[in-house]
Amino acid sequence: MDMKKYIELGEQKAGTQVKLAEYLGQYDSGLRAVKAGKKGLPDAVCIKLADFIEVDRLEVIAASNLVTEKDEERIKIFKSCFNRAASIVTAAFIFTFSSMTSTPTHAGQLLSGHVNNLYCVKY
């Protein structure tokens, strides 16, 4: 994703570009320049934006650095941040989905709609 998309997500959540700029401690003209692909944001501001829009911090930092980076080796490094974050999200999804599936022992309980519980009370 590019910085324009992250800024747009922030604008949607904040309500306006001016409110987002105030939240981030930036000028709205600076956000317009970032959105236009003319400059990036400081890393600390990228982290604040990422937390605000609830996306991976490393992706926003990488996207911001890709705006101005000219060195091909560094560009490859920043681009790899998107693949890594996507892999982590995929792994988390697979783990969550697999932990939701039932074992055959519990399948009957899930289908019948009730669970028999055994409680032991010590007097």
PDB file of N, CA and C in Angstrom:
ATOM      1  N   MET A   1       0.851  -1.172   0.000  1.00  0.00           N
ATOM      2  CA  MET A   1       0.000   0.000   0.000  1.00  0.00           C
ATOM      3  C   MET A   1       0.898   1.236   0.000  1.00  0.00           C
ATOM      4  N   ASP A   2       0.447   2.293  -0.595  1.00  0.00           N
ATOM      5  CA  ASP A   2       1.245   3.518  -0.613  1.00  0.00           C
ATOM      6  C   ASP A   2       0.733   4.513   0.428  1.00  0.00           C
ATOM      7  N   MET A   3       1.500   5.543   0.671  1.00  0.00           N
ATOM      8  CA  MET A   3       1.173   6.516   1.708  1.00  0.00           C
ATOM      9  C   MET A   3      -0.174   7.187   1.471  1.00  0.00           C
ATOM     10  N   LYS A   4      -0.529   7.374   0.222  1.00  0.00           N
ATOM     11  CA  LYS A   4      -1.820   8.001  -0.073  1.00  0.00           C
ATOM     12  C   LYS A   4      -2.956   7.216   0.578  1.00  0.00           C
ATOM     13  N   LYS A   5      -2.903   5.892   0.483  1.00  0.00           N
ATOM     14  CA  LYS A   5      -3.962   5.045   1.063  1.00  0.00           C
ATOM     15  C   LYS A   5      -3.971   5.155   2.591  1.00  0.00           C
ATOM     16  N   TYR A   6      -2.778   5.174   3.196  1.00  0.00           N
ATOM     17  CA  TYR A   6      -2.719   5.292   4.653  1.00  0.00           C
ATOM     18  C   TYR A   6      -3.260   6.635   5.124  1.00  0.00           C
ATOM     19  N   ILE A   7      -2.904   7.694   4.408  1.00  0.00           N
ATOM     20  CA  ILE A   7      -3.413   9.030   4.754  1.00  0.00           C
ATOM     21  C   ILE A   7      -4.928   9.054   4.595  1.00  0.00           C
ATOM     22  N   GLU A   8      -5.433   8.469   3.519  1.00  0.00           N
ATOM     23  CA  GLU A   8      -6.888   8.437   3.293  1.00  0.00           C
ATOM     24  C   GLU A   8      -7.610   7.667   4.395  1.00  0.00           C
ATOM     25  N   LEU A   9      -7.023   6.554   4.837  1.00  0.00           N
ATOM     26  CA  LEU A   9      -7.624   5.805   5.951  1.00  0.00           C
ATOM     27  C   LEU A   9      -7.653   6.665   7.214  1.00  0.00           C
ATOM     28  N   GLY A  10      -6.566   7.397   7.448  1.00  0.00           N
ATOM     29  CA  GLY A  10      -6.505   8.291   8.598  1.00  0.00           C
ATOM     30  C   GLY A  10      -7.530   9.412   8.501  1.00  0.00           C
ATOM     31  N   GLU A  11      -7.692   9.966   7.307  1.00  0.00           N
ATOM     32  CA  GLU A  11      -8.682  11.029   7.101  1.00  0.00           C
ATOM     33  C   GLU A  11     -10.092  10.518   7.373  1.00  0.00           C
ATOM     34  N   GLN A  12     -10.372   9.319   6.902  1.00  0.00           N
ATOM     35  CA  GLN A  12     -11.704   8.737   7.132  1.00  0.00           C
ATOM     36  C   GLN A  12     -11.970   8.585   8.628  1.00  0.00           C
ATOM     37  N   LYS A  13     -10.968   8.092   9.348  1.00  0.00           N
ATOM     38  CA  LYS A  13     -11.152   7.865  10.777  1.00  0.00           C
ATOM     39  C   LYS A  13     -11.223   9.183  11.553  1.00  0.00           C
ATOM     40  N   ALA A  14     -10.392  10.150  11.179  1.00  0.00           N
ATOM     41  CA  ALA A  14     -10.355  11.437  11.882  1.00  0.00           C
ATOM     42  C   ALA A  14     -11.510  12.344  11.477  1.00  0.00           C
ATOM     43  N   GLY A  15     -12.019  12.143  10.280  1.00  0.00           N
ATOM     44  CA  GLY A  15     -13.107  12.997   9.783  1.00  0.00           C
ATOM     45  C   GLY A  15     -12.665  13.939   8.683  1.00  0.00           C
ATOM     46  N   THR A  16     -11.498  14.554   8.856  1.00  0.00           N
ATOM     47  CA  THR A  16     -10.960  15.457   7.835  1.00  0.00           C
ATOM     48  C   THR A  16      -9.434  15.363   7.842  1.00  0.00           C
ATOM     49  N   GLN A  17      -8.842  15.884   6.777  1.00  0.00           N
ATOM     50  CA  GLN A  17      -7.389  15.917   6.702  1.00  0.00           C
ATOM     51  C   GLN A  17      -6.821  16.862   7.760  1.00  0.00           C
ATOM     52  N   VAL A  18      -7.502  17.944   8.025  1.00  0.00           N
ATOM     53  CA  VAL A  18      -7.042  18.912   9.031  1.00  0.00           C
ATOM     54  C   VAL A  18      -7.021  18.267  10.413  1.00  0.00           C
ATOM     55  N   LYS A  19      -8.073  17.512  10.744  1.00  0.00           N
ATOM     56  CA  LYS A  19      -8.118  16.844  12.052  1.00  0.00           C
ATOM     57  C   LYS A  19      -7.033  15.776  12.155  1.00  0.00           C
ATOM     58  N   LEU A  20      -6.792  15.054  11.073  1.00  0.00           N
ATOM     59  CA  LEU A  20      -5.721  14.049  11.079  1.00  0.00           C
ATOM     60  C   LEU A  20      -4.377  14.727  11.291  1.00  0.00           C
ATOM     61  N   ALA A  21      -4.152  15.831  10.589  1.00  0.00           N
ATOM     62  CA  ALA A  21      -2.890  16.565  10.722  1.00  0.00           C
ATOM     63  C   ALA A  21      -2.695  17.032  12.165  1.00  0.00           C
ATOM     64  N   GLU A  22      -3.758  17.544  12.782  1.00  0.00           N
ATOM     65  CA  GLU A  22      -3.672  17.983  14.171  1.00  0.00           C
ATOM     66  C   GLU A  22      -3.322  16.809  15.073  1.00  0.00           C
ATOM     67  N   TYR A  23      -3.972  15.667  14.865  1.00  0.00           N
ATOM     68  CA  TYR A  23      -3.708  14.482  15.683  1.00  0.00           C
ATOM     69  C   TYR A  23      -2.250  14.041  15.553  1.00  0.00           C
ATOM     70  N   LEU A  24      -1.735  14.098  14.333  1.00  0.00           N
ATOM     71  CA  LEU A  24      -0.360  13.658  14.074  1.00  0.00           C
ATOM     72  C   LEU A  24       0.680  14.720  14.410  1.00  0.00           C
ATOM     73  N   GLY A  25       0.227  15.939  14.714  1.00  0.00           N
ATOM     74  CA  GLY A  25       1.167  17.017  15.002  1.00  0.00           C
ATOM     75  C   GLY A  25       1.855  17.526  13.749  1.00  0.00           C
ATOM     76  N   GLN A  26       1.147  17.507  12.643  1.00  0.00           N
ATOM     77  CA  GLN A  26       1.684  17.933  11.349  1.00  0.00           C
ATOM     78  C   GLN A  26       0.813  19.044  10.774  1.00  0.00           C
ATOM     79  N   TYR A  27       1.324  19.723   9.774  1.00  0.00           N
ATOM     80  CA  TYR A  27       0.521  20.689   9.031  1.00  0.00           C
ATOM     81  C   TYR A  27      -0.277  19.929   7.980  1.00  0.00           C
ATOM     82  N   ASP A  28      -1.493  20.395   7.697  1.00  0.00           N
ATOM     83  CA  ASP A  28      -2.289  19.712   6.672  1.00  0.00           C
ATOM     84  C   ASP A  28      -1.642  19.849   5.293  1.00  0.00           C
ATOM     85  N   SER A  29      -0.892  20.927   5.061  1.00  0.00           N
ATOM     86  CA  SER A  29      -0.181  21.067   3.787  1.00  0.00           C
ATOM     87  C   SER A  29       0.898  19.989   3.658  1.00  0.00           C
ATOM     88  N   GLY A  30       1.496  19.627   4.773  1.00  0.00           N
ATOM     89  CA  GLY A  30       2.483  18.547   4.771  1.00  0.00           C
ATOM     90  C   GLY A  30       1.837  17.208   4.433  1.00  0.00           C
ATOM     91  N   LEU A  31       0.644  16.951   4.979  1.00  0.00           N
ATOM     92  CA  LEU A  31      -0.071  15.716   4.644  1.00  0.00           C
ATOM     93  C   LEU A  31      -0.473  15.683   3.173  1.00  0.00           C
ATOM     94  N   ARG A  32      -0.823  16.853   2.628  1.00  0.00           N
ATOM     95  CA  ARG A  32      -1.153  16.904   1.196  1.00  0.00           C
ATOM     96  C   ARG A  32       0.061  16.528   0.353  1.00  0.00           C
ATOM     97  N   ALA A  33       1.238  16.996   0.768  1.00  0.00           N
ATOM     98  CA  ALA A  33       2.483  16.668   0.050  1.00  0.00           C
ATOM     99  C   ALA A  33       2.783  15.173   0.153  1.00  0.00           C
ATOM    100  N   VAL A  34       2.546  14.584   1.321  1.00  0.00           N
ATOM    101  CA  VAL A  34       2.755  13.144   1.495  1.00  0.00           C
ATOM    102  C   VAL A  34       1.767  12.381   0.619  1.00  0.00           C
ATOM    103  N   LYS A  35       0.528  12.807   0.640  1.00  0.00           N
ATOM    104  CA  LYS A  35      -0.525  12.156  -0.151  1.00  0.00           C
ATOM    105  C   LYS A  35      -0.229  12.251  -1.643  1.00  0.00           C
ATOM    106  N   ALA A  36       0.399  13.336  -2.061  1.00  0.00           N
ATOM    107  CA  ALA A  36       0.743  13.534  -3.475  1.00  0.00           C
ATOM    108  C   ALA A  36       2.016  12.797  -3.867  1.00  0.00           C
ATOM    109  N   GLY A  37       2.681  12.164  -2.891  1.00  0.00           N
ATOM    110  CA  GLY A  37       3.894  11.421  -3.190  1.00  0.00           C
ATOM    111  C   GLY A  37       5.131  12.283  -3.318  1.00  0.00           C
ATOM    112  N   LYS A  38       5.091  13.476  -2.730  1.00  0.00           N
ATOM    113  CA  LYS A  38       6.224  14.397  -2.828  1.00  0.00           C
ATOM    114  C   LYS A  38       7.185  14.300  -1.645  1.00  0.00           C
ATOM    115  N   LYS A  39       6.688  13.785  -0.517  1.00  0.00           N
ATOM    116  CA  LYS A  39       7.544  13.631   0.653  1.00  0.00           C
ATOM    117  C   LYS A  39       6.987  12.544   1.552  1.00  0.00           C
ATOM    118  N   GLY A  40       7.810  12.101   2.494  1.00  0.00           N
ATOM    119  CA  GLY A  40       7.383  11.105   3.465  1.00  0.00           C
ATOM    120  C   GLY A  40       7.174  11.751   4.821  1.00  0.00           C
ATOM    121  N   LEU A  41       6.880  10.932   5.794  1.00  0.00           N
ATOM    122  CA  LEU A  41       6.695  11.398   7.167  1.00  0.00           C
ATOM    123  C   LEU A  41       7.838  10.876   8.031  1.00  0.00           C
ATOM    124  N   PRO A  42       8.136  11.564   9.114  1.00  0.00           N
ATOM    125  CA  PRO A  42       9.116  11.024  10.065  1.00  0.00           C
ATOM    126  C   PRO A  42       8.608   9.677  10.607  1.00  0.00           C
ATOM    127  N   ASP A  43       9.539   8.797  10.964  1.00  0.00           N
ATOM    128  CA  ASP A  43       9.160   7.462  11.435  1.00  0.00           C
ATOM    129  C   ASP A  43       8.211   7.501  12.630  1.00  0.00           C
ATOM    130  N   ALA A  44       8.457   8.405  13.572  1.00  0.00           N
ATOM    131  CA  ALA A  44       7.595   8.497  14.756  1.00  0.00           C
ATOM    132  C   ALA A  44       6.156   8.842  14.366  1.00  0.00           C
ATOM    133  N   VAL A  45       5.998   9.696  13.368  1.00  0.00           N
ATOM    134  CA  VAL A  45       4.663  10.075  12.901  1.00  0.00           C
ATOM    135  C   VAL A  45       4.026   8.889  12.163  1.00  0.00           C
ATOM    136  N   CYS A  46       4.836   8.137  11.430  1.00  0.00           N
ATOM    137  CA  CYS A  46       4.323   6.930  10.762  1.00  0.00           C
ATOM    138  C   CYS A  46       3.777   5.940  11.780  1.00  0.00           C
ATOM    139  N   ILE A  47       4.488   5.784  12.889  1.00  0.00           N
ATOM    140  CA  ILE A  47       4.037   4.868  13.942  1.00  0.00           C
ATOM    141  C   ILE A  47       2.721   5.358  14.535  1.00  0.00           C
ATOM    142  N   LYS A  48       2.624   6.650  14.781  1.00  0.00           N
ATOM    143  CA  LYS A  48       1.389   7.216  15.332  1.00  0.00           C
ATOM    144  C   LYS A  48       0.226   7.023  14.357  1.00  0.00           C
ATOM    145  N   LEU A  49       0.472   7.233  13.061  1.00  0.00           N
ATOM    146  CA  LEU A  49      -0.556   7.027  12.038  1.00  0.00           C
ATOM    147  C   LEU A  49      -0.960   5.556  11.976  1.00  0.00           C
ATOM    148  N   ALA A  50       0.019   4.668  11.983  1.00  0.00           N
ATOM    149  CA  ALA A  50      -0.266   3.232  11.914  1.00  0.00           C
ATOM    150  C   ALA A  50      -1.127   2.782  13.091  1.00  0.00           C
ATOM    151  N   ASP A  51      -0.790   3.243  14.279  1.00  0.00           N
ATOM    152  CA  ASP A  51      -1.580   2.889  15.454  1.00  0.00           C
ATOM    153  C   ASP A  51      -2.996   3.453  15.355  1.00  0.00           C
ATOM    154  N   PHE A  52      -3.107   4.657  14.833  1.00  0.00           N
ATOM    155  CA  PHE A  52      -4.412   5.313  14.700  1.00  0.00           C
ATOM    156  C   PHE A  52      -5.317   4.555  13.731  1.00  0.00           C
ATOM    157  N   ILE A  53      -4.756   4.109  12.609  1.00  0.00           N
ATOM    158  CA  ILE A  53      -5.579   3.412  11.606  1.00  0.00           C
ATOM    159  C   ILE A  53      -5.518   1.891  11.767  1.00  0.00           C
ATOM    160  N   GLU A  54      -4.799   1.445  12.794  1.00  0.00           N
ATOM    161  CA  GLU A  54      -4.725   0.033  13.158  1.00  0.00           C
ATOM    162  C   GLU A  54      -4.161  -0.855  12.040  1.00  0.00           C
ATOM    163  N   VAL A  55      -2.999  -0.443  11.540  1.00  0.00           N
ATOM    164  CA  VAL A  55      -2.269  -1.254  10.565  1.00  0.00           C
ATOM    165  C   VAL A  55      -0.848  -1.471  11.072  1.00  0.00           C
ATOM    166  N   ASP A  56      -0.118  -2.339  10.420  1.00  0.00           N
ATOM    167  CA  ASP A  56       1.239  -2.663  10.829  1.00  0.00           C
ATOM    168  C   ASP A  56       2.138  -1.423  10.740  1.00  0.00           C
ATOM    169  N   ARG A  57       2.830  -1.131  11.816  1.00  0.00           N
ATOM    170  CA  ARG A  57       3.715   0.041  11.874  1.00  0.00           C
ATOM    171  C   ARG A  57       4.799  -0.007  10.809  1.00  0.00           C
ATOM    172  N   LEU A  58       5.384  -1.182  10.633  1.00  0.00           N
ATOM    173  CA  LEU A  58       6.484  -1.336   9.688  1.00  0.00           C
ATOM    174  C   LEU A  58       6.033  -1.032   8.258  1.00  0.00           C
ATOM    175  N   GLU A  59       4.818  -1.384   7.912  1.00  0.00           N
ATOM    176  CA  GLU A  59       4.315  -1.096   6.566  1.00  0.00           C
ATOM    177  C   GLU A  59       4.234   0.400   6.317  1.00  0.00           C
ATOM    178  N   VAL A  60       3.741   1.144   7.284  1.00  0.00           N
ATOM    179  CA  VAL A  60       3.607   2.598   7.106  1.00  0.00           C
ATOM    180  C   VAL A  60       4.982   3.250   7.031  1.00  0.00           C
ATOM    181  N   ILE A  61       5.896   2.815   7.881  1.00  0.00           N
ATOM    182  CA  ILE A  61       7.265   3.353   7.830  1.00  0.00           C
ATOM    183  C   ILE A  61       7.899   3.049   6.473  1.00  0.00           C
ATOM    184  N   ALA A  62       7.742   1.817   6.008  1.00  0.00           N
ATOM    185  CA  ALA A  62       8.311   1.433   4.712  1.00  0.00           C
ATOM    186  C   ALA A  62       7.679   2.235   3.577  1.00  0.00           C
ATOM    187  N   ALA A  63       6.364   2.385   3.600  1.00  0.00           N
ATOM    188  CA  ALA A  63       5.674   3.142   2.544  1.00  0.00           C
ATOM    189  C   ALA A  63       6.153   4.586   2.519  1.00  0.00           C
ATOM    190  N   SER A  64       6.345   5.168   3.695  1.00  0.00           N
ATOM    191  CA  SER A  64       6.815   6.546   3.772  1.00  0.00           C
ATOM    192  C   SER A  64       8.227   6.680   3.221  1.00  0.00           C
ATOM    193  N   ASN A  65       9.087   5.743   3.565  1.00  0.00           N
ATOM    194  CA  ASN A  65      10.467   5.790   3.074  1.00  0.00           C
ATOM    195  C   ASN A  65      10.544   5.528   1.576  1.00  0.00           C
ATOM    196  N   LEU A  66       9.649   4.742   1.038  1.00  0.00           N
ATOM    197  CA  LEU A  66       9.653   4.459  -0.403  1.00  0.00           C
ATOM    198  C   LEU A  66       9.330   5.697  -1.237  1.00  0.00           C
ATOM    199  N   VAL A  67       8.682   6.688  -0.621  1.00  0.00           N
ATOM    200  CA  VAL A  67       8.337   7.912  -1.349  1.00  0.00           C
ATOM    201  C   VAL A  67       9.583   8.631  -1.851  1.00  0.00           C
ATOM    202  N   THR A  68      10.629   8.655  -1.029  1.00  0.00           N
ATOM    203  CA  THR A  68      11.809   9.448  -1.380  1.00  0.00           C
ATOM    204  C   THR A  68      13.076   8.630  -1.616  1.00  0.00           C
ATOM    205  N   GLU A  69      13.054   7.347  -1.298  1.00  0.00           N
ATOM    206  CA  GLU A  69      14.265   6.533  -1.410  1.00  0.00           C
ATOM    207  C   GLU A  69      14.682   6.340  -2.863  1.00  0.00           C
ATOM    208  N   LYS A  70      15.977   6.507  -3.127  1.00  0.00           N
ATOM    209  CA  LYS A  70      16.521   6.341  -4.479  1.00  0.00           C
ATOM    210  C   LYS A  70      17.412   5.110  -4.609  1.00  0.00           C
ATOM    211  N   ASP A  71      17.978   4.648  -3.501  1.00  0.00           N
ATOM    212  CA  ASP A  71      18.893   3.510  -3.511  1.00  0.00           C
ATOM    213  C   ASP A  71      18.117   2.211  -3.738  1.00  0.00           C
ATOM    214  N   GLU A  72      18.467   1.481  -4.783  1.00  0.00           N
ATOM    215  CA  GLU A  72      17.741   0.258  -5.166  1.00  0.00           C
ATOM    216  C   GLU A  72      17.768  -0.814  -4.074  1.00  0.00           C
ATOM    217  N   GLU A  73      18.891  -0.949  -3.402  1.00  0.00           N
ATOM    218  CA  GLU A  73      18.994  -1.953  -2.325  1.00  0.00           C
ATOM    219  C   GLU A  73      18.032  -1.616  -1.183  1.00  0.00           C
ATOM    220  N   ARG A  74      17.976  -0.357  -0.807  1.00  0.00           N
ATOM    221  CA  ARG A  74      17.067   0.063   0.255  1.00  0.00           C
ATOM    222  C   ARG A  74      15.617  -0.059  -0.180  1.00  0.00           C
ATOM    223  N   ILE A  75      15.339   0.227  -1.438  1.00  0.00           N
ATOM    224  CA  ILE A  75      13.977   0.077  -1.960  1.00  0.00           C
ATOM    225  C   ILE A  75      13.526  -1.374  -1.819  1.00  0.00           C
ATOM    226  N   LYS A  76      14.401  -2.322  -2.151  1.00  0.00           N
ATOM    227  CA  LYS A  76      14.084  -3.745  -1.996  1.00  0.00           C
ATOM    228  C   LYS A  76      13.792  -4.091  -0.537  1.00  0.00           C
ATOM    229  N   ILE A  77      14.591  -3.529   0.351  1.00  0.00           N
ATOM    230  CA  ILE A  77      14.392  -3.785   1.780  1.00  0.00           C
ATOM    231  C   ILE A  77      13.032  -3.268   2.242  1.00  0.00           C
ATOM    232  N   PHE A  78      12.710  -2.035   1.853  1.00  0.00           N
ATOM    233  CA  PHE A  78      11.417  -1.472   2.255  1.00  0.00           C
ATOM    234  C   PHE A  78      10.250  -2.249   1.639  1.00  0.00           C
ATOM    235  N   LYS A  79      10.388  -2.659   0.398  1.00  0.00           N
ATOM    236  CA  LYS A  79       9.319  -3.428  -0.243  1.00  0.00           C
ATOM    237  C   LYS A  79       9.123  -4.786   0.433  1.00  0.00           C
ATOM    238  N   SER A  80      10.202  -5.358   0.955  1.00  0.00           N
ATOM    239  CA  SER A  80      10.084  -6.652   1.634  1.00  0.00           C
ATOM    240  C   SER A  80       9.256  -6.543   2.911  1.00  0.00           C
ATOM    241  N   CYS A  81       9.129  -5.358   3.460  1.00  0.00           N
ATOM    242  CA  CYS A  81       8.324  -5.168   4.666  1.00  0.00           C
ATOM    243  C   CYS A  81       6.856  -5.481   4.411  1.00  0.00           C
ATOM    244  N   PHE A  82       6.393  -5.231   3.200  1.00  0.00           N
ATOM    245  CA  PHE A  82       4.997  -5.516   2.874  1.00  0.00           C
ATOM    246  C   PHE A  82       4.774  -7.018   2.780  1.00  0.00           C
ATOM    247  N   ASN A  83       5.709  -7.754   2.209  1.00  0.00           N
ATOM    248  CA  ASN A  83       5.591  -9.208   2.111  1.00  0.00           C
ATOM    249  C   ASN A  83       5.617  -9.845   3.493  1.00  0.00           C
ATOM    250  N   ARG A  84       6.490  -9.347   4.361  1.00  0.00           N
ATOM    251  CA  ARG A  84       6.614  -9.892   5.713  1.00  0.00           C
ATOM    252  C   ARG A  84       5.322  -9.666   6.492  1.00  0.00           C
ATOM    253  N   ALA A  85       4.790  -8.460   6.421  1.00  0.00           N
ATOM    254  CA  ALA A  85       3.557  -8.153   7.149  1.00  0.00           C
ATOM    255  C   ALA A  85       2.399  -8.983   6.618  1.00  0.00           C
ATOM    256  N   ALA A  86       2.332  -9.165   5.304  1.00  0.00           N
ATOM    257  CA  ALA A  86       1.270  -9.980   4.716  1.00  0.00           C
ATOM    258  C   ALA A  86       1.398 -11.427   5.164  1.00  0.00           C
ATOM    259  N   SER A  87       2.626 -11.928   5.270  1.00  0.00           N
ATOM    260  CA  SER A  87       2.847 -13.300   5.730  1.00  0.00           C
ATOM    261  C   SER A  87       2.397 -13.472   7.172  1.00  0.00           C
ATOM    262  N   ILE A  88       2.667 -12.476   8.007  1.00  0.00           N
ATOM    263  CA  ILE A  88       2.270 -12.537   9.408  1.00  0.00           C
ATOM    264  C   ILE A  88       0.752 -12.535   9.523  1.00  0.00           C
ATOM    265  N   VAL A  89       0.091 -11.692   8.738  1.00  0.00           N
ATOM    266  CA  VAL A  89      -1.368 -11.636   8.757  1.00  0.00           C
ATOM    267  C   VAL A  89      -1.957 -12.967   8.297  1.00  0.00           C
ATOM    268  N   THR A  90      -1.402 -13.536   7.247  1.00  0.00           N
ATOM    269  CA  THR A  90      -1.882 -14.823   6.749  1.00  0.00           C
ATOM    270  C   THR A  90      -1.697 -15.908   7.797  1.00  0.00           C
ATOM    271  N   ALA A  91      -0.547 -15.942   8.432  1.00  0.00           N
ATOM    272  CA  ALA A  91      -0.288 -16.950   9.465  1.00  0.00           C
ATOM    273  C   ALA A  91      -1.257 -16.792  10.633  1.00  0.00           C
ATOM    274  N   ALA A  92      -1.523 -15.561  11.032  1.00  0.00           N
ATOM    275  CA  ALA A  92      -2.463 -15.310  12.130  1.00  0.00           C
ATOM    276  C   ALA A  92      -3.867 -15.772  11.754  1.00  0.00           C
ATOM    277  N   PHE A  93      -4.262 -15.518  10.518  1.00  0.00           N
ATOM    278  CA  PHE A  93      -5.574 -15.945  10.043  1.00  0.00           C
ATOM    279  C   PHE A  93      -5.686 -17.459  10.061  1.00  0.00           C
ATOM    280  N   ILE A  94      -4.664 -18.133   9.558  1.00  0.00           N
ATOM    281  CA  ILE A  94      -4.678 -19.595   9.524  1.00  0.00           C
ATOM    282  C   ILE A  94      -4.738 -20.157  10.940  1.00  0.00           C
ATOM    283  N   PHE A  95      -3.957 -19.593  11.863  1.00  0.00           N
ATOM    284  CA  PHE A  95      -3.964 -20.054  13.247  1.00  0.00           C
ATOM    285  C   PHE A  95      -5.346 -19.859  13.867  1.00  0.00           C
ATOM    286  N   THR A  96      -5.932 -18.675  13.661  1.00  0.00           N
ATOM    287  CA  THR A  96      -7.253 -18.388  14.219  1.00  0.00           C
ATOM    288  C   THR A  96      -8.292 -19.329  13.655  1.00  0.00           C
ATOM    289  N   PHE A  97      -8.269 -19.546  12.364  1.00  0.00           N
ATOM    290  CA  PHE A  97      -9.246 -20.417  11.713  1.00  0.00           C
ATOM    291  C   PHE A  97      -9.074 -21.852  12.192  1.00  0.00           C
ATOM    292  N   SER A  98      -7.832 -22.319  12.273  1.00  0.00           N
ATOM    293  CA  SER A  98      -7.604 -23.709  12.687  1.00  0.00           C
ATOM    294  C   SER A  98      -7.980 -23.921  14.143  1.00  0.00           C
ATOM    295  N   SER A  99      -7.828 -22.894  14.984  1.00  0.00           N
ATOM    296  CA  SER A  99      -8.203 -23.053  16.383  1.00  0.00           C
ATOM    297  C   SER A  99      -9.722 -23.015  16.570  1.00  0.00           C
ATOM    298  N   MET A 100     -10.443 -22.546  15.574  1.00  0.00           N
ATOM    299  CA  MET A 100     -11.900 -22.506  15.642  1.00  0.00           C
ATOM    300  C   MET A 100     -12.526 -23.819  15.205  1.00  0.00           C
ATOM    301  N   THR A 101     -11.791 -24.632  14.482  1.00  0.00           N
ATOM    302  CA  THR A 101     -12.358 -25.887  14.009  1.00  0.00           C
ATOM    303  C   THR A 101     -12.453 -26.866  15.156  1.00  0.00           C
ATOM    304  N   SER A 102     -13.377 -27.772  15.065  1.00  0.00           N
ATOM    305  CA  SER A 102     -13.661 -28.689  16.153  1.00  0.00           C
ATOM    306  C   SER A 102     -13.059 -30.060  15.901  1.00  0.00           C
ATOM    307  N   THR A 103     -12.763 -30.757  16.978  1.00  0.00           N
ATOM    308  CA  THR A 103     -12.327 -32.140  16.867  1.00  0.00           C
ATOM    309  C   THR A 103     -13.560 -33.018  16.736  1.00  0.00           C
ATOM    310  N   PRO A 104     -13.445 -34.224  16.195  1.00  0.00           N
ATOM    311  CA  PRO A 104     -14.606 -35.103  16.062  1.00  0.00           C
ATOM    312  C   PRO A 104     -15.313 -35.350  17.392  1.00  0.00           C
ATOM    313  N   THR A 105     -14.575 -35.365  18.497  1.00  0.00           N
ATOM    314  CA  THR A 105     -15.164 -35.594  19.808  1.00  0.00           C
ATOM    315  C   THR A 105     -16.199 -34.521  20.147  1.00  0.00           C
ATOM    316  N   HIS A 106     -15.893 -33.278  19.745  1.00  0.00           N
ATOM    317  CA  HIS A 106     -16.783 -32.170  20.070  1.00  0.00           C
ATOM    318  C   HIS A 106     -17.810 -31.878  18.985  1.00  0.00           C
ATOM    319  N   ALA A 107     -17.701 -32.508  17.855  1.00  0.00           N
ATOM    320  CA  ALA A 107     -18.592 -32.210  16.737  1.00  0.00           C
ATOM    321  C   ALA A 107     -20.042 -32.478  17.099  1.00  0.00           C
ATOM    322  N   GLY A 108     -20.313 -33.580  17.785  1.00  0.00           N
ATOM    323  CA  GLY A 108     -21.686 -33.898  18.176  1.00  0.00           C
ATOM    324  C   GLY A 108     -22.271 -32.851  19.088  1.00  0.00           C
ATOM    325  N   GLN A 109     -21.472 -32.346  20.013  1.00  0.00           N
ATOM    326  CA  GLN A 109     -21.936 -31.302  20.922  1.00  0.00           C
ATOM    327  C   GLN A 109     -22.265 -30.030  20.151  1.00  0.00           C
ATOM    328  N   LEU A 110     -21.436 -29.685  19.181  1.00  0.00           N
ATOM    329  CA  LEU A 110     -21.671 -28.471  18.402  1.00  0.00           C
ATOM    330  C   LEU A 110     -22.936 -28.598  17.567  1.00  0.00           C
ATOM    331  N   LEU A 111     -23.158 -29.787  17.004  1.00  0.00           N
ATOM    332  CA  LEU A 111     -24.339 -29.994  16.173  1.00  0.00           C
ATOM    333  C   LEU A 111     -25.614 -30.057  16.997  1.00  0.00           C
ATOM    334  N   SER A 112     -25.555 -30.630  18.193  1.00  0.00           N
ATOM    335  CA  SER A 112     -26.753 -30.769  19.009  1.00  0.00           C
ATOM    336  C   SER A 112     -27.144 -29.460  19.683  1.00  0.00           C
ATOM    337  N   GLY A 113     -26.199 -28.540  19.766  1.00  0.00           N
ATOM    338  CA  GLY A 113     -26.517 -27.230  20.324  1.00  0.00           C
ATOM    339  C   GLY A 113     -26.364 -27.149  21.832  1.00  0.00           C
ATOM    340  N   HIS A 114     -25.949 -28.208  22.486  1.00  0.00           N
ATOM    341  CA  HIS A 114     -25.742 -28.125  23.930  1.00  0.00           C
ATOM    342  C   HIS A 114     -24.508 -28.920  24.329  1.00  0.00           C
ATOM    343  N   VAL A 115     -24.015 -28.606  25.489  1.00  0.00           N
ATOM    344  CA  VAL A 115     -22.828 -29.259  26.011  1.00  0.00           C
ATOM    345  C   VAL A 115     -23.171 -29.796  27.395  1.00  0.00           C
ATOM    346  N   ASN A 116     -22.792 -31.026  27.667  1.00  0.00           N
ATOM    347  CA  ASN A 116     -22.993 -31.593  29.000  1.00  0.00           C
ATOM    348  C   ASN A 116     -21.767 -31.269  29.847  1.00  0.00           C
ATOM    349  N   ASN A 117     -21.984 -30.562  30.929  1.00  0.00           N
ATOM    350  CA  ASN A 117     -20.894 -30.196  31.808  1.00  0.00           C
ATOM    351  C   ASN A 117     -20.977 -30.999  33.090  1.00  0.00           C
ATOM    352  N   LEU A 118     -19.864 -31.372  33.637  1.00  0.00           N
ATOM    353  CA  LEU A 118     -19.768 -32.087  34.890  1.00  0.00           C
ATOM    354  C   LEU A 118     -19.079 -31.175  35.888  1.00  0.00           C
ATOM    355  N   TYR A 119     -19.758 -30.865  36.956  1.00  0.00           N
ATOM    356  CA  TYR A 119     -19.195 -30.007  37.978  1.00  0.00           C
ATOM    357  C   TYR A 119     -18.951 -30.805  39.239  1.00  0.00           C
ATOM    358  N   CYS A 120     -17.850 -30.562  39.889  1.00  0.00           N
ATOM    359  CA  CYS A 120     -17.515 -31.219  41.137  1.00  0.00           C
ATOM    360  C   CYS A 120     -17.515 -30.133  42.218  1.00  0.00           C
ATOM    361  N   VAL A 121     -18.380 -30.292  43.203  1.00  0.00           N
ATOM    362  CA  VAL A 121     -18.464 -29.310  44.272  1.00  0.00           C
ATOM    363  C   VAL A 121     -17.979 -29.968  45.544  1.00  0.00           C
ATOM    364  N   LYS A 122     -17.034 -29.368  46.213  1.00  0.00           N
ATOM    365  CA  LYS A 122     -16.466 -29.912  47.447  1.00  0.00           C
ATOM    366  C   LYS A 122     -17.118 -29.219  48.635  1.00  0.00           C
ATOM    367  N   TYR A 123     -17.684 -30.006  49.564  1.00  0.00           N
ATOM    368  CA  TYR A 123     -18.340 -29.438  50.756  1.00  0.00           C
ATOM    369  C   TYR A 123     -17.450 -29.496  51.933  1.00  0.00           C
TER     370      TYR A 123
END
